[in-house]
Protein backbone atom coordinates (compact mmCIF):
# COMPACT_ATOMS: atom_id res chain seq x y z
CA MET A 1 0.00 0.00 0.00
CA GLY A 2 1.30 3.48 -0.86
CA GLY A 3 1.75 6.24 1.66
CA ILE A 4 -0.37 9.35 2.16
CA GLU A 5 0.10 11.94 -0.59
CA PHE A 6 1.35 15.39 0.40
CA LEU A 7 2.65 18.55 -1.22
CA LYS A 8 4.59 21.45 0.26
CA GLY A 9 3.99 25.00 -0.87
CA HIS A 10 4.21 28.61 0.23
CA GLY A 11 2.75 32.03 -0.44
CA THR A 12 5.33 34.75 0.28
CA GLN A 13 7.12 32.19 2.49
CA ASN A 14 4.03 31.45 4.60
CA ASP A 15 4.38 27.68 4.15
CA PHE A 16 1.88 24.85 4.17
CA VAL A 17 1.54 21.09 3.88
CA LEU A 18 -1.24 20.21 1.42
CA LEU A 19 -3.09 16.93 1.88
CA PRO A 20 -5.21 15.90 -1.13
CA ASP A 21 -8.22 14.16 0.42
CA PRO A 22 -11.17 14.59 -1.97
CA SER A 23 -13.51 12.26 -0.08
CA GLY A 24 -12.57 13.53 3.40
CA ARG A 25 -11.34 10.13 4.59
CA LEU A 26 -8.18 11.18 6.43
CA ASP A 27 -8.41 11.29 10.22
CA LEU A 28 -6.78 14.70 10.50
CA THR A 29 -6.40 15.02 14.26
CA ALA A 30 -4.87 18.03 15.99
CA ALA A 31 -1.93 15.82 17.01
CA ARG A 32 -1.24 14.85 13.39
CA VAL A 33 -1.42 18.46 12.23
CA ALA A 34 0.99 19.56 14.95
CA ALA A 35 3.37 16.73 14.08
CA LEU A 36 3.27 17.55 10.35
CA CYS A 37 4.00 21.21 11.04
CA ASP A 38 6.82 20.54 13.50
CA ARG A 39 10.08 21.54 11.82
CA GLN A 40 12.11 18.89 13.64
CA ARG A 41 9.86 15.81 13.74
CA GLY A 42 7.62 16.49 10.74
CA LEU A 43 7.70 18.26 7.40
CA GLY A 44 7.59 21.73 8.93
CA ALA A 45 4.94 24.32 8.05
CA ASP A 46 2.84 27.21 9.33
CA GLY A 47 -0.31 25.20 8.70
CA VAL A 48 -2.04 22.33 6.89
CA LEU A 49 -4.37 22.68 3.91
CA ARG A 50 -6.60 19.66 3.36
CA VAL A 51 -8.00 19.54 -0.18
CA VAL A 52 -11.51 18.12 0.15
CA ARG A 53 -14.68 18.35 -1.90
CA SER A 54 -17.22 20.69 -0.32
CA GLY A 55 -19.86 17.95 -0.22
CA ALA A 56 -17.50 15.56 1.56
CA ALA A 57 -16.74 18.30 4.11
CA GLY A 58 -20.45 18.59 4.84
CA LEU A 59 -20.53 22.27 3.88
CA GLU A 60 -22.58 24.21 1.37
CA SER A 61 -20.43 26.11 -1.08
CA ALA A 62 -20.65 27.39 -4.64
CA GLY A 63 -17.20 25.92 -5.15
CA GLU A 64 -16.42 22.26 -5.69
CA TRP A 65 -13.38 22.38 -3.40
CA PHE A 66 -13.12 23.29 0.28
CA MET A 67 -9.93 24.47 1.96
CA ASP A 68 -9.87 22.74 5.36
CA TYR A 69 -7.23 24.91 7.04
CA ARG A 70 -5.51 24.06 10.32
CA ASN A 71 -2.99 26.15 12.27
CA ALA A 72 0.38 24.70 13.14
CA ASP A 73 -0.78 23.84 16.68
CA GLY A 74 -3.62 21.74 15.25
CA SER A 75 -6.39 24.26 15.90
CA ILE A 76 -8.99 24.93 13.22
CA ALA A 77 -8.94 28.34 11.54
CA GLU A 78 -11.50 30.17 9.46
CA MET A 79 -9.37 31.53 6.64
CA CYS A 80 -5.83 32.00 5.33
CA GLY A 81 -5.16 34.35 2.42
CA ASN A 82 -1.73 32.97 1.58
CA GLY A 83 -3.05 29.43 1.96
CA VAL A 84 -5.91 30.06 -0.49
CA ARG A 85 -3.41 31.16 -3.14
CA VAL A 86 -1.36 27.98 -2.73
CA PHE A 87 -4.55 25.90 -2.61
CA ALA A 88 -5.83 27.48 -5.84
CA ARG A 89 -2.55 26.96 -7.68
CA TYR A 90 -2.52 23.31 -6.62
CA LEU A 91 -6.06 22.79 -7.94
CA VAL A 92 -5.06 24.16 -11.35
CA GLU A 93 -1.80 22.21 -11.57
CA ALA A 94 -3.56 19.00 -10.49
CA GLY A 95 -6.21 19.45 -13.19
CA LEU A 96 -8.97 19.88 -10.59
CA ALA A 97 -9.82 23.41 -11.72
CA GLU A 98 -9.29 25.50 -14.83
CA ALA A 99 -6.92 28.47 -14.72
CA GLY A 100 -8.77 31.76 -14.44
CA GLU A 101 -11.57 32.45 -11.97
CA PHE A 102 -13.25 29.87 -9.74
CA THR A 103 -14.49 29.60 -6.16
CA VAL A 104 -12.86 28.02 -3.11
CA GLY A 105 -14.94 27.22 -0.03
CA THR A 106 -13.56 28.22 3.39
CA ARG A 107 -14.93 28.40 6.92
CA ALA A 108 -15.11 32.17 6.46
CA GLY A 109 -17.32 31.69 3.38
CA ASP A 110 -16.74 31.27 -0.34
CA ARG A 111 -13.67 32.96 -1.77
CA PRO A 112 -13.52 33.64 -5.53
CA VAL A 113 -9.96 33.34 -6.82
CA VAL A 114 -8.20 34.12 -10.10
CA VAL A 115 -5.13 32.09 -11.07
CA HIS A 116 -3.21 34.26 -13.53
CA PRO A 117 -0.98 32.97 -16.36
CA ASP A 118 2.15 33.79 -14.35
CA ARG A 119 0.70 31.64 -11.49
CA THR A 120 0.21 34.61 -9.20
CA VAL A 121 -3.23 34.45 -7.61
CA THR A 122 -5.81 37.08 -6.73
CA VAL A 123 -8.18 36.20 -3.89
CA HIS A 124 -11.44 38.03 -3.26
CA MET A 125 -11.14 38.22 0.51
CA GLY A 126 -14.58 39.58 1.36
CA PRO A 127 -15.18 42.53 3.67
CA ALA A 128 -12.59 43.84 6.11
CA ALA A 129 -14.70 45.13 8.99
CA ILE A 130 -13.37 47.54 11.60
CA THR A 131 -14.67 46.26 14.94
CA GLY A 132 -13.11 48.61 17.51
CA THR A 133 -9.80 49.28 19.21
CA SER A 134 -7.69 47.36 21.69
CA VAL A 135 -4.15 47.05 23.04
CA THR A 136 -1.41 44.45 22.70
CA VAL A 137 1.71 44.24 24.86
CA VAL A 138 5.07 43.22 23.36
CA ALA A 139 7.94 42.61 25.80
CA GLY A 140 6.21 44.80 28.39
CA ARG A 141 5.46 47.64 25.96
CA PRO A 142 1.82 48.43 25.11
CA PHE A 143 0.69 49.26 21.57
CA SER A 144 -2.78 50.48 20.69
CA GLY A 145 -4.38 48.93 17.64
CA VAL A 146 -7.38 48.79 15.34
CA ALA A 147 -9.41 45.56 15.47
CA VAL A 148 -10.31 44.19 12.04
CA ASP A 149 -12.41 41.16 11.10
CA VAL A 150 -11.38 39.53 7.78
CA GLY A 151 -13.28 36.34 8.47
CA ASN A 152 -10.80 35.85 11.32
CA PRO A 153 -9.77 38.32 14.05
CA HIS A 154 -6.88 40.80 13.76
CA LEU A 155 -5.42 43.67 15.76
CA VAL A 156 -3.32 46.10 13.73
CA SER A 157 -0.88 48.45 15.47
CA VAL A 158 0.74 51.23 13.41
CA LEU A 159 4.18 52.04 14.84
CA ASP A 160 6.54 54.99 14.50
CA ASP A 161 9.44 52.73 15.51
CA ASP A 162 10.84 50.27 12.98
CA VAL A 163 8.84 47.03 13.18
CA ALA A 164 12.10 45.14 12.57
CA ASP A 165 13.13 46.00 16.13
CA LEU A 166 10.15 44.26 17.80
CA ASP A 167 10.77 41.08 19.80
CA LEU A 168 8.06 38.70 18.58
CA ALA A 169 9.79 35.51 19.72
CA HIS A 170 7.21 35.14 22.49
CA GLN A 171 3.42 35.44 22.51
CA PRO A 172 2.42 39.10 22.93
CA ASP A 173 -0.34 39.76 25.42
CA PHE A 174 -3.78 40.92 24.31
CA ASP A 175 -7.28 41.47 25.73
CA HIS A 176 -8.76 37.97 25.97
CA ASP A 177 -12.21 39.39 26.72
CA PHE A 178 -12.12 41.35 23.44
CA PHE A 179 -10.64 38.39 21.52
CA PRO A 180 -11.98 35.25 23.26
CA ALA A 181 -10.91 33.01 20.34
CA GLY A 182 -7.44 34.56 20.11
CA VAL A 183 -6.17 37.09 17.59
CA ASN A 184 -3.64 37.65 14.83
CA LEU A 185 -1.41 40.61 15.66
CA GLU A 186 -0.02 42.88 12.93
CA PHE A 187 2.64 45.56 13.45
CA VAL A 188 2.90 48.10 10.65
CA ASN A 189 5.12 50.92 9.40
CA LEU A 190 3.66 53.41 6.93
CA LEU A 191 6.17 53.80 4.09
CA GLY A 192 4.37 56.49 2.14
CA ASP A 193 1.36 56.70 -0.13
CA GLY A 194 0.22 53.20 -0.99
CA ALA A 195 2.99 51.27 0.75
CA LEU A 196 3.25 49.47 4.11
CA ARG A 197 5.75 47.23 5.87
CA MET A 198 4.39 44.59 8.29
CA ARG A 199 5.35 41.85 10.72
CA VAL A 200 2.79 39.44 12.13
CA HIS A 201 2.34 37.11 15.10
CA GLU A 202 -0.31 34.59 14.06
CA ARG A 203 -2.80 32.96 16.37
CA GLY A 204 -1.84 29.34 16.98
CA VAL A 205 1.45 29.65 15.07
CA GLY A 206 3.75 32.45 16.27
CA GLU A 207 5.60 34.89 14.03
CA THR A 208 5.32 33.93 10.37
CA ARG A 209 6.94 35.27 7.21
CA ALA A 210 3.56 36.44 5.92
CA CYS A 211 -0.17 36.43 6.69
CA GLY A 212 -2.63 37.04 3.86
CA THR A 213 -5.63 38.08 5.93
CA GLY A 214 -3.20 40.10 8.05
CA THR A 215 -2.09 42.17 5.05
CA VAL A 216 -5.73 42.93 4.24
CA ALA A 217 -6.36 43.88 7.88
CA ALA A 218 -3.25 46.10 7.87
CA VAL A 219 -4.35 48.03 4.79
CA ALA A 220 -7.92 48.36 6.07
CA ALA A 221 -6.66 49.68 9.41
CA ALA A 222 -4.25 52.15 7.77
CA LEU A 223 -7.03 53.46 5.54
CA HIS A 224 -9.36 53.73 8.54
CA LEU A 225 -6.78 55.77 10.46
CA ALA A 226 -6.43 58.01 7.42
CA GLY A 227 -10.18 58.62 7.44
CA THR A 228 -11.22 56.48 4.50
CA ASP A 229 -12.37 52.93 3.76
CA THR A 230 -11.17 52.48 0.17
CA GLY A 231 -7.72 52.27 -1.37
CA SER A 232 -4.84 50.06 -2.47
CA SER A 233 -1.40 49.38 -1.07
CA THR A 234 1.60 47.16 -1.46
CA VAL A 235 2.53 45.35 1.74
CA ASP A 236 6.12 44.28 2.34
CA ILE A 237 6.43 41.34 4.70
CA PRO A 238 9.50 39.26 5.53
CA GLY A 239 8.47 36.72 2.87
CA GLY A 240 8.00 39.18 0.00
CA ARG A 241 5.41 41.62 -1.31
CA VAL A 242 1.67 41.44 -1.99
CA THR A 243 -0.86 43.97 -3.24
CA VAL A 244 -4.11 44.63 -1.37
CA THR A 245 -7.17 46.58 -2.49
CA VAL A 246 -9.89 47.48 0.00
CA ALA A 247 -13.33 48.72 -1.01
CA ARG A 248 -16.62 49.08 0.81
CA GLY A 249 -17.65 45.54 1.71
CA ALA A 250 -14.90 43.89 -0.32
CA SER A 251 -11.16 43.39 -0.60
CA THR A 252 -8.65 41.56 -2.80
CA LEU A 253 -5.19 40.13 -2.19
CA THR A 254 -2.76 39.41 -5.03
CA GLY A 255 0.55 37.62 -4.65
CA PRO A 256 2.69 34.64 -5.59
CA ALA A 257 2.01 30.97 -4.84
CA GLU A 258 4.65 28.25 -5.11
CA ILE A 259 4.53 24.46 -5.01
CA VAL A 260 7.99 23.27 -3.94
CA ALA A 261 7.74 19.52 -3.21
CA ARG A 262 5.49 16.48 -3.30
CA GLY A 263 5.74 12.97 -1.95
CA GLU A 264 4.21 10.41 0.40
CA LEU A 265 3.97 10.33 4.18
CA ASP A 266 5.00 7.06 5.76
CA GLU A 267 1.88 5.28 7.03
CA ALA A 268 3.58 4.09 10.21
CA TRP A 269 4.62 7.67 11.00
CA TRP A 270 1.06 8.86 10.29
CA ALA A 271 -0.40 6.27 12.65
CA ALA A 272 2.03 7.11 15.44
CA ALA A 273 1.53 10.89 14.99
CA GLY A 274 -2.18 10.57 15.72
CA VAL A 275 -1.63 9.36 19.27
């Protein structure tokens, strides 16, 4: 019997293990996800993308395929902008979808995507809703921020100091009453008209090289602080650059998506990882 098929990919160095599982038969426990994402005892990744048909996932969607996304700690997440790009590119390269526009189902709702000829991908991310303000504390230092819902929760802090100097090795503190399910934390420098630089500490993962929904949240927050709710910006993150457009009730994210490896997981390892 063969092993369990996997692929490894990344979107601006936010990396994922993809598990093709059209019928939803894999027992994808939190322990297995955490083991897969562990960079010493597994393949190493910021999260797992299970490729499953929407019907097999038990969800209603206009799209045939559902992105079952899990954080690196095994927790279930609503949405991942970088992950959707990688997911969409895989579908096209595997012959499961035609290049151009189609729909991917997520826990945050359907997400139309466009796979371009150069294999960059545009994702229609839905609304970016400003939900209030809060504070995060990094290494004992408080930073005020704008709370943004992009299908998952974010808190965006715009800093005068260089974000490169922040110590994000440990979990920053935040208001657990305001964010009972946790929060993704973005720290942003304004670089001028239509340009931002960002670092992110992701819920259930830690600092990552990029966060797709986080870049949308960052642009929405920056526009909000500037007194508007529409505009476009490039966002430089440690893993590269993406372009975000925010409009009333809608947003898009455009960036690269790479498939870097494929193979089979050993079945004995898979069985042991589920314990």
